Amino acid sequence: MTEKLLVQPEAEADLAEAYRWYEAQRPGLGLEFLAAVDRALERIAEQPLRHAAVHRDTRRTFLRRFPYVVFHVMRSDRVHVLAVLHQRRNPRIARNRVSRFEGG
């Protein structure tokens, strides 16, 4: 079963920032990064609960080839992508986004 994915605005901003950085390193690399994100989002949509839970019901999915992690939560019949962060970023960023997402 494929679930509906909703990418939150902060996660979209993460993607745009990473795209710009990779594209500045080498033209076309930003598009390769976005393609890797798309593949990860497809895996998440197909089996959102398969991925490791890292904080309460927040799950993470690692990108292949790029050192980034997609943080997401399942709510009803939707998967909310809350962050797309470099693996070296502080994981509290994702936890803070979950708290804000849940209204806490």
N, C-alpha and C. Protein backbone atom coordinates (compact mmCIF):
# COMPACT_ATOMS: atom_id res chain seq x y z
N MET A 1 0.84 -1.17 0.00
CA MET A 1 0.00 0.00 0.00
C MET A 1 0.89 1.24 0.00
N THR A 2 0.55 2.20 -0.82
CA THR A 2 1.30 3.44 -0.88
C THR A 2 0.54 4.52 -0.13
N GLU A 3 1.21 5.14 0.81
CA GLU A 3 0.61 6.20 1.62
C GLU A 3 0.85 7.55 0.96
N LYS A 4 -0.01 8.50 1.30
CA LYS A 4 0.15 9.85 0.78
C LYS A 4 1.23 10.56 1.59
N LEU A 5 2.16 11.20 0.88
CA LEU A 5 3.25 11.95 1.51
C LEU A 5 2.96 13.44 1.50
N LEU A 6 3.19 14.08 2.62
CA LEU A 6 3.10 15.53 2.72
C LEU A 6 4.44 16.05 3.22
N VAL A 7 5.11 16.81 2.39
CA VAL A 7 6.40 17.39 2.77
C VAL A 7 6.14 18.74 3.41
N GLN A 8 6.51 18.86 4.67
CA GLN A 8 6.28 20.09 5.41
C GLN A 8 7.20 21.21 4.89
N PRO A 9 6.80 22.47 5.04
CA PRO A 9 7.59 23.59 4.52
C PRO A 9 9.05 23.61 4.99
N GLU A 10 9.30 23.27 6.25
CA GLU A 10 10.69 23.27 6.73
C GLU A 10 11.51 22.21 6.01
N ALA A 11 10.91 21.06 5.71
CA ALA A 11 11.61 20.01 4.98
C ALA A 11 11.86 20.46 3.54
N GLU A 12 10.92 21.17 2.95
CA GLU A 12 11.13 21.72 1.61
C GLU A 12 12.30 22.70 1.61
N ALA A 13 12.40 23.49 2.67
CA ALA A 13 13.52 24.43 2.79
C ALA A 13 14.84 23.68 2.93
N ASP A 14 14.83 22.58 3.69
CA ASP A 14 16.03 21.74 3.81
C ASP A 14 16.48 21.25 2.43
N LEU A 15 15.51 20.78 1.66
CA LEU A 15 15.81 20.26 0.32
C LEU A 15 16.39 21.34 -0.58
N ALA A 16 15.79 22.52 -0.55
CA ALA A 16 16.27 23.61 -1.39
C ALA A 16 17.69 24.01 -1.02
N GLU A 17 17.98 24.08 0.27
CA GLU A 17 19.32 24.44 0.73
C GLU A 17 20.35 23.40 0.28
N ALA A 18 20.03 22.12 0.47
CA ALA A 18 20.95 21.05 0.07
C ALA A 18 21.13 21.02 -1.44
N TYR A 19 20.05 21.22 -2.17
CA TYR A 19 20.13 21.26 -3.64
C TYR A 19 21.10 22.35 -4.08
N ARG A 20 20.95 23.56 -3.53
CA ARG A 20 21.81 24.67 -3.91
C ARG A 20 23.28 24.36 -3.60
N TRP A 21 23.52 23.77 -2.42
CA TRP A 21 24.89 23.45 -2.04
C TRP A 21 25.50 22.45 -3.02
N TYR A 22 24.78 21.36 -3.29
CA TYR A 22 25.30 20.35 -4.21
C TYR A 22 25.47 20.89 -5.62
N GLU A 23 24.55 21.70 -6.04
CA GLU A 23 24.62 22.26 -7.39
C GLU A 23 25.84 23.19 -7.51
N ALA A 24 26.19 23.90 -6.44
CA ALA A 24 27.37 24.77 -6.44
C ALA A 24 28.66 23.96 -6.49
N GLN A 25 28.61 22.73 -5.96
CA GLN A 25 29.80 21.88 -5.99
C GLN A 25 30.09 21.38 -7.39
N ARG A 26 29.01 20.98 -8.09
CA ARG A 26 29.14 20.50 -9.47
C ARG A 26 27.78 20.59 -10.13
N PRO A 27 27.68 21.29 -11.25
CA PRO A 27 26.39 21.37 -11.95
C PRO A 27 25.83 19.97 -12.23
N GLY A 28 24.58 19.79 -11.86
CA GLY A 28 23.91 18.50 -12.04
C GLY A 28 23.89 17.66 -10.78
N LEU A 29 24.80 17.93 -9.84
CA LEU A 29 24.84 17.14 -8.61
C LEU A 29 23.60 17.41 -7.75
N GLY A 30 23.11 18.63 -7.80
CA GLY A 30 21.88 18.95 -7.06
C GLY A 30 20.70 18.12 -7.56
N LEU A 31 20.63 17.93 -8.87
CA LEU A 31 19.55 17.09 -9.44
C LEU A 31 19.73 15.63 -9.03
N GLU A 32 20.96 15.17 -8.94
CA GLU A 32 21.21 13.80 -8.48
C GLU A 32 20.78 13.64 -7.03
N PHE A 33 21.04 14.68 -6.23
CA PHE A 33 20.59 14.66 -4.83
C PHE A 33 19.07 14.57 -4.76
N LEU A 34 18.38 15.40 -5.54
CA LEU A 34 16.91 15.37 -5.52
C LEU A 34 16.37 14.02 -5.99
N ALA A 35 17.05 13.39 -6.95
CA ALA A 35 16.63 12.06 -7.41
C ALA A 35 16.79 11.04 -6.28
N ALA A 36 17.86 11.15 -5.50
CA ALA A 36 18.04 10.24 -4.35
C ALA A 36 16.96 10.47 -3.31
N VAL A 37 16.58 11.73 -3.09
CA VAL A 37 15.49 12.03 -2.16
C VAL A 37 14.19 11.43 -2.67
N ASP A 38 13.91 11.58 -3.96
CA ASP A 38 12.69 11.01 -4.54
C ASP A 38 12.63 9.50 -4.32
N ARG A 39 13.74 8.82 -4.52
CA ARG A 39 13.76 7.37 -4.30
C ARG A 39 13.49 7.03 -2.84
N ALA A 40 14.07 7.81 -1.92
CA ALA A 40 13.82 7.58 -0.50
C ALA A 40 12.35 7.83 -0.16
N LEU A 41 11.77 8.87 -0.73
CA LEU A 41 10.35 9.17 -0.47
C LEU A 41 9.45 8.06 -1.02
N GLU A 42 9.83 7.49 -2.15
CA GLU A 42 9.06 6.36 -2.68
C GLU A 42 9.11 5.17 -1.72
N ARG A 43 10.31 4.88 -1.16
CA ARG A 43 10.43 3.78 -0.19
C ARG A 43 9.58 4.07 1.04
N ILE A 44 9.61 5.32 1.50
CA ILE A 44 8.82 5.69 2.67
C ILE A 44 7.33 5.54 2.39
N ALA A 45 6.88 6.00 1.23
CA ALA A 45 5.45 5.93 0.89
C ALA A 45 4.99 4.48 0.79
N GLU A 46 5.85 3.60 0.30
CA GLU A 46 5.48 2.20 0.14
C GLU A 46 5.38 1.49 1.49
N GLN A 47 6.31 1.77 2.40
CA GLN A 47 6.33 1.11 3.71
C GLN A 47 6.80 2.07 4.79
N PRO A 48 5.96 3.00 5.20
CA PRO A 48 6.40 4.04 6.14
C PRO A 48 6.80 3.52 7.51
N LEU A 49 6.23 2.41 7.95
CA LEU A 49 6.55 1.90 9.28
C LEU A 49 7.74 0.96 9.29
N ARG A 50 8.29 0.70 8.14
CA ARG A 50 9.45 -0.18 8.02
C ARG A 50 10.73 0.46 8.54
N HIS A 51 10.78 1.75 8.50
CA HIS A 51 12.00 2.48 8.83
C HIS A 51 12.14 2.67 10.33
N ALA A 52 13.37 2.84 10.78
CA ALA A 52 13.69 2.87 12.21
C ALA A 52 13.03 4.05 12.92
N ALA A 53 12.41 3.75 14.06
CA ALA A 53 11.88 4.80 14.92
C ALA A 53 13.03 5.34 15.76
N VAL A 54 13.15 6.67 15.81
CA VAL A 54 14.27 7.27 16.53
C VAL A 54 13.83 8.13 17.71
N HIS A 55 12.62 8.59 17.70
CA HIS A 55 12.10 9.41 18.80
C HIS A 55 10.59 9.30 18.76
N ARG A 56 10.04 8.67 19.79
CA ARG A 56 8.61 8.39 19.81
C ARG A 56 8.23 7.68 18.52
N ASP A 57 7.38 8.27 17.72
CA ASP A 57 6.99 7.61 16.46
C ASP A 57 7.61 8.28 15.23
N THR A 58 8.64 9.10 15.48
CA THR A 58 9.37 9.70 14.36
C THR A 58 10.33 8.66 13.80
N ARG A 59 10.31 8.52 12.50
CA ARG A 59 11.15 7.53 11.83
C ARG A 59 12.16 8.22 10.94
N ARG A 60 13.23 7.49 10.63
CA ARG A 60 14.24 8.07 9.76
C ARG A 60 14.57 7.10 8.64
N THR A 61 14.91 7.69 7.53
CA THR A 61 15.32 6.94 6.35
C THR A 61 16.58 7.59 5.80
N PHE A 62 17.61 6.79 5.62
CA PHE A 62 18.86 7.31 5.09
C PHE A 62 18.81 7.32 3.56
N LEU A 63 19.39 8.38 3.00
CA LEU A 63 19.53 8.42 1.55
C LEU A 63 20.69 7.52 1.15
N ARG A 64 20.60 6.99 -0.02
CA ARG A 64 21.72 6.27 -0.58
C ARG A 64 22.59 7.29 -1.30
N ARG A 65 23.87 7.16 -1.17
CA ARG A 65 24.87 7.99 -1.83
C ARG A 65 25.13 9.33 -1.15
N PHE A 66 24.12 9.96 -0.61
CA PHE A 66 24.29 11.26 0.02
C PHE A 66 24.11 11.12 1.53
N PRO A 67 24.88 11.86 2.33
CA PRO A 67 24.82 11.71 3.79
C PRO A 67 23.66 12.50 4.42
N TYR A 68 22.46 12.18 4.00
CA TYR A 68 21.25 12.86 4.48
C TYR A 68 20.26 11.86 5.03
N VAL A 69 19.42 12.35 5.94
CA VAL A 69 18.39 11.54 6.57
C VAL A 69 17.04 12.24 6.40
N VAL A 70 16.01 11.46 6.07
CA VAL A 70 14.65 11.97 5.97
C VAL A 70 13.93 11.56 7.25
N PHE A 71 13.40 12.53 7.99
CA PHE A 71 12.63 12.26 9.21
C PHE A 71 11.15 12.40 8.88
N HIS A 72 10.36 11.41 9.31
CA HIS A 72 8.94 11.44 8.97
C HIS A 72 8.11 10.79 10.07
N VAL A 73 6.84 11.17 10.11
CA VAL A 73 5.88 10.58 11.05
C VAL A 73 4.63 10.17 10.27
N MET A 74 3.98 9.15 10.77
CA MET A 74 2.74 8.66 10.17
C MET A 74 1.58 9.19 11.00
N ARG A 75 0.62 9.81 10.34
CA ARG A 75 -0.59 10.29 10.99
C ARG A 75 -1.77 9.89 10.12
N SER A 76 -2.65 9.07 10.67
CA SER A 76 -3.81 8.56 9.93
C SER A 76 -3.31 7.89 8.66
N ASP A 77 -3.73 8.36 7.52
CA ASP A 77 -3.34 7.74 6.25
C ASP A 77 -2.30 8.58 5.52
N ARG A 78 -1.60 9.44 6.26
CA ARG A 78 -0.61 10.32 5.63
C ARG A 78 0.74 10.21 6.32
N VAL A 79 1.77 10.36 5.52
CA VAL A 79 3.13 10.42 6.02
C VAL A 79 3.59 11.87 5.89
N HIS A 80 4.01 12.44 7.01
CA HIS A 80 4.48 13.82 7.02
C HIS A 80 6.00 13.82 7.09
N VAL A 81 6.62 14.39 6.09
CA VAL A 81 8.08 14.53 6.06
C VAL A 81 8.39 15.84 6.78
N LEU A 82 9.12 15.72 7.90
CA LEU A 82 9.36 16.88 8.75
C LEU A 82 10.73 17.51 8.54
N ALA A 83 11.70 16.72 8.10
CA ALA A 83 13.05 17.25 7.94
C ALA A 83 13.84 16.38 6.98
N VAL A 84 14.75 17.02 6.26
CA VAL A 84 15.73 16.32 5.43
C VAL A 84 17.06 16.95 5.81
N LEU A 85 17.81 16.27 6.66
CA LEU A 85 18.99 16.87 7.28
C LEU A 85 20.25 16.07 6.99
N HIS A 86 21.35 16.78 6.93
CA HIS A 86 22.66 16.14 6.83
C HIS A 86 22.86 15.30 8.08
N GLN A 87 23.52 14.17 7.95
CA GLN A 87 23.71 13.27 9.08
C GLN A 87 24.51 13.89 10.22
N ARG A 88 25.29 14.91 9.93
CA ARG A 88 26.07 15.55 10.99
C ARG A 88 25.33 16.67 11.71
N ARG A 89 24.13 16.99 11.24
CA ARG A 89 23.34 18.03 11.92
C ARG A 89 22.83 17.47 13.24
N ASN A 90 22.56 18.34 14.16
CA ASN A 90 22.07 17.96 15.47
C ASN A 90 20.69 17.32 15.34
N PRO A 91 20.50 16.10 15.85
CA PRO A 91 19.20 15.43 15.74
C PRO A 91 18.08 16.15 16.50
N ARG A 92 18.44 17.05 17.38
CA ARG A 92 17.42 17.82 18.10
C ARG A 92 16.60 18.68 17.15
N ILE A 93 17.19 19.04 16.02
CA ILE A 93 16.45 19.83 15.03
C ILE A 93 15.20 19.06 14.62
N ALA A 94 15.34 17.78 14.33
CA ALA A 94 14.20 16.96 13.93
C ALA A 94 13.22 16.82 15.10
N ARG A 95 13.74 16.58 16.31
CA ARG A 95 12.85 16.44 17.48
C ARG A 95 12.06 17.72 17.71
N ASN A 96 12.70 18.88 17.56
CA ASN A 96 12.00 20.16 17.74
C ASN A 96 10.89 20.32 16.70
N ARG A 97 11.15 19.89 15.49
CA ARG A 97 10.13 19.98 14.45
C ARG A 97 8.96 19.06 14.76
N VAL A 98 9.25 17.89 15.30
CA VAL A 98 8.16 16.98 15.68
C VAL A 98 7.31 17.63 16.76
N SER A 99 7.96 18.23 17.75
CA SER A 99 7.22 18.89 18.83
C SER A 99 6.33 20.00 18.29
N ARG A 100 6.86 20.81 17.38
CA ARG A 100 6.06 21.89 16.80
C ARG A 100 4.93 21.32 15.94
N PHE A 101 5.22 20.25 15.22
CA PHE A 101 4.22 19.62 14.37
C PHE A 101 3.06 19.10 15.20
N GLU A 102 3.39 18.54 16.38
CA GLU A 102 2.36 17.99 17.25
C GLU A 102 1.72 19.07 18.12
N GLY A 103 2.19 20.30 17.99
CA GLY A 103 1.59 21.39 18.74
C GLY A 103 2.11 21.52 20.15
N GLY A 104 3.28 20.95 20.41
CA GLY A 104 3.79 20.97 21.78
C GLY A 104 5.00 21.77 21.99
